[in-house]
C-alpha atoms as a PDB file:
ATOM      1  CA  MET A   1       3.417 -89.684  65.056  1.00  0.00           C
ATOM      2  CA  LEU A   2       5.226 -86.358  65.380  1.00  0.00           C
ATOM      3  CA  ASN A   3       8.696 -86.584  66.942  1.00  0.00           C
ATOM      4  CA  LEU A   4       9.464 -83.461  69.018  1.00  0.00           C
ATOM      5  CA  THR A   5      12.770 -84.764  70.391  1.00  0.00           C
ATOM      6  CA  PRO A   6      15.584 -82.259  69.758  1.00  0.00           C
ATOM      7  CA  THR A   7      18.247 -83.473  67.385  1.00  0.00           C
ATOM      8  CA  ALA A   8      21.961 -82.780  67.412  1.00  0.00           C
ATOM      9  CA  LYS A   9      21.962 -81.829  63.742  1.00  0.00           C
ATOM     10  CA  LYS A  10      22.088 -78.075  63.228  1.00  0.00           C
ATOM     11  CA  PHE A  11      21.503 -76.112  60.092  1.00  0.00           C
ATOM     12  CA  ALA A  12      23.182 -72.856  59.112  1.00  0.00           C
ATOM     13  CA  PHE A  13      20.780 -69.939  58.774  1.00  0.00           C
ATOM     14  CA  ILE A  14      20.760 -68.538  55.243  1.00  0.00           C
ATOM     15  CA  HIS A  15      19.097 -65.128  55.024  1.00  0.00           C
ATOM     16  CA  PRO A  16      16.690 -65.134  52.081  1.00  0.00           C
ATOM     17  CA  GLY A  17      17.508 -61.529  51.205  1.00  0.00           C
ATOM     18  CA  GLY A  18      21.260 -61.722  51.746  1.00  0.00           C
ATOM     19  CA  LEU A  19      23.318 -61.016  48.673  1.00  0.00           C
ATOM     20  CA  HIS A  20      26.713 -62.017  50.080  1.00  0.00           C
ATOM     21  CA  THR A  21      28.119 -65.475  50.696  1.00  0.00           C
ATOM     22  CA  GLN A  22      30.525 -66.465  53.467  1.00  0.00           C
ATOM     23  CA  ALA A  23      33.262 -66.520  50.809  1.00  0.00           C
ATOM     24  CA  ASP A  24      32.447 -62.860  50.053  1.00  0.00           C
ATOM     25  CA  PHE A  25      32.766 -61.924  53.742  1.00  0.00           C
ATOM     26  CA  ASP A  26      36.023 -63.868  54.065  1.00  0.00           C
ATOM     27  CA  ARG A  27      37.468 -62.052  51.019  1.00  0.00           C
ATOM     28  CA  MET A  28      36.378 -58.656  52.409  1.00  0.00           C
ATOM     29  CA  LYS A  29      37.986 -59.452  55.765  1.00  0.00           C
ATOM     30  CA  VAL A  30      41.319 -60.220  54.084  1.00  0.00           C
ATOM     31  CA  LYS A  31      41.136 -57.054  51.943  1.00  0.00           C
ATOM     32  CA  ILE A  32      40.394 -54.904  55.010  1.00  0.00           C
ATOM     33  CA  ALA A  33      43.241 -56.489  56.969  1.00  0.00           C
ATOM     34  CA  MET A  34      45.575 -55.694  54.053  1.00  0.00           C
ATOM     35  CA  GLY A  35      44.346 -52.086  53.933  1.00  0.00           C
ATOM     36  CA  ALA A  36      43.251 -52.570  50.307  1.00  0.00           C
ATOM     37  CA  GLN A  37      40.951 -49.962  48.806  1.00  0.00           C
ATOM     38  CA  PRO A  38      38.028 -49.557  48.467  1.00  0.00           C
ATOM     39  CA  TRP A  39      37.390 -52.237  51.120  1.00  0.00           C
ATOM     40  CA  LYS A  40      39.299 -50.518  53.957  1.00  0.00           C
ATOM     41  CA  GLY A  41      37.824 -47.083  53.286  1.00  0.00           C
ATOM     42  CA  SER A  42      34.311 -48.518  53.116  1.00  0.00           C
ATOM     43  CA  TRP A  43      34.866 -50.403  56.382  1.00  0.00           C
ATOM     44  CA  ASP A  44      36.056 -47.203  58.066  1.00  0.00           C
ATOM     45  CA  LYS A  45      32.897 -45.403  56.890  1.00  0.00           C
ATOM     46  CA  LEU A  46      30.760 -48.213  58.270  1.00  0.00           C
ATOM     47  CA  LEU A  47      32.482 -48.011  61.660  1.00  0.00           C
ATOM     48  CA  THR A  48      31.744 -44.293  61.960  1.00  0.00           C
ATOM     49  CA  SER A  49      28.188 -44.407  60.604  1.00  0.00           C
ATOM     50  CA  SER A  50      25.578 -43.558  63.216  1.00  0.00           C
ATOM     51  CA  GLU A  51      23.254 -46.100  61.569  1.00  0.00           C
ATOM     52  CA  ALA A  52      25.761 -48.914  62.187  1.00  0.00           C
ATOM     53  CA  GLN A  53      25.962 -48.433  65.963  1.00  0.00           C
ATOM     54  CA  LEU A  54      24.271 -50.617  68.559  1.00  0.00           C
ATOM     55  CA  GLY A  55      22.388 -47.623  69.975  1.00  0.00           C
ATOM     56  CA  TRP A  56      20.772 -46.720  66.648  1.00  0.00           C
ATOM     57  CA  SER A  57      17.041 -47.296  66.571  1.00  0.00           C
ATOM     58  CA  ALA A  58      15.080 -48.040  63.450  1.00  0.00           C
ATOM     59  CA  ALA A  59      12.262 -45.813  62.248  1.00  0.00           C
ATOM     60  CA  PRO A  60      10.144 -48.201  60.168  1.00  0.00           C
ATOM     61  CA  VAL A  61       7.397 -46.993  57.864  1.00  0.00           C
ATOM     62  CA  GLU A  62       4.526 -49.003  56.422  1.00  0.00           C
ATOM     63  CA  THR A  63       5.060 -47.766  52.863  1.00  0.00           C
ATOM     64  CA  ILE A  64       8.363 -46.564  51.423  1.00  0.00           C
ATOM     65  CA  ILE A  65       8.146 -43.394  49.348  1.00  0.00           C
ATOM     66  CA  ARG A  66      11.204 -42.786  47.196  1.00  0.00           C
ATOM     67  CA  GLY A  67      12.005 -40.611  44.233  1.00  0.00           C
ATOM     68  CA  VAL A  68       9.069 -38.239  44.590  1.00  0.00           C
ATOM     69  CA  ALA A  69       8.090 -35.446  46.935  1.00  0.00           C
ATOM     70  CA  GLY A  70       7.608 -36.805  50.439  1.00  0.00           C
ATOM     71  CA  ASN A  71      10.543 -39.223  50.489  1.00  0.00           C
ATOM     72  CA  ASN A  72      10.457 -41.171  53.737  1.00  0.00           C
ATOM     73  CA  TYR A  73      13.230 -43.712  53.281  1.00  0.00           C
ATOM     74  CA  THR A  74      15.818 -41.573  55.054  1.00  0.00           C
ATOM     75  CA  ARG A  75      15.770 -39.743  58.348  1.00  0.00           C
ATOM     76  CA  SER A  76      17.041 -36.496  56.934  1.00  0.00           C
END
């Protein structure tokens, strides 16, 4: 019989395409707080990037064309 009762046990979501671990993010956070380069400069670029803002909308394409005439992986 299938038990559909919710359980208290929770599992952390691990993104299958994520390349960074929590330890990586923790290390980056410390480096940024210290003002260490290149972490701080990269963080500053991320903060000012239009593509990193909540109002940015994606422009998905069915097939990515890159490296030949007709590139469509960027908006420019």
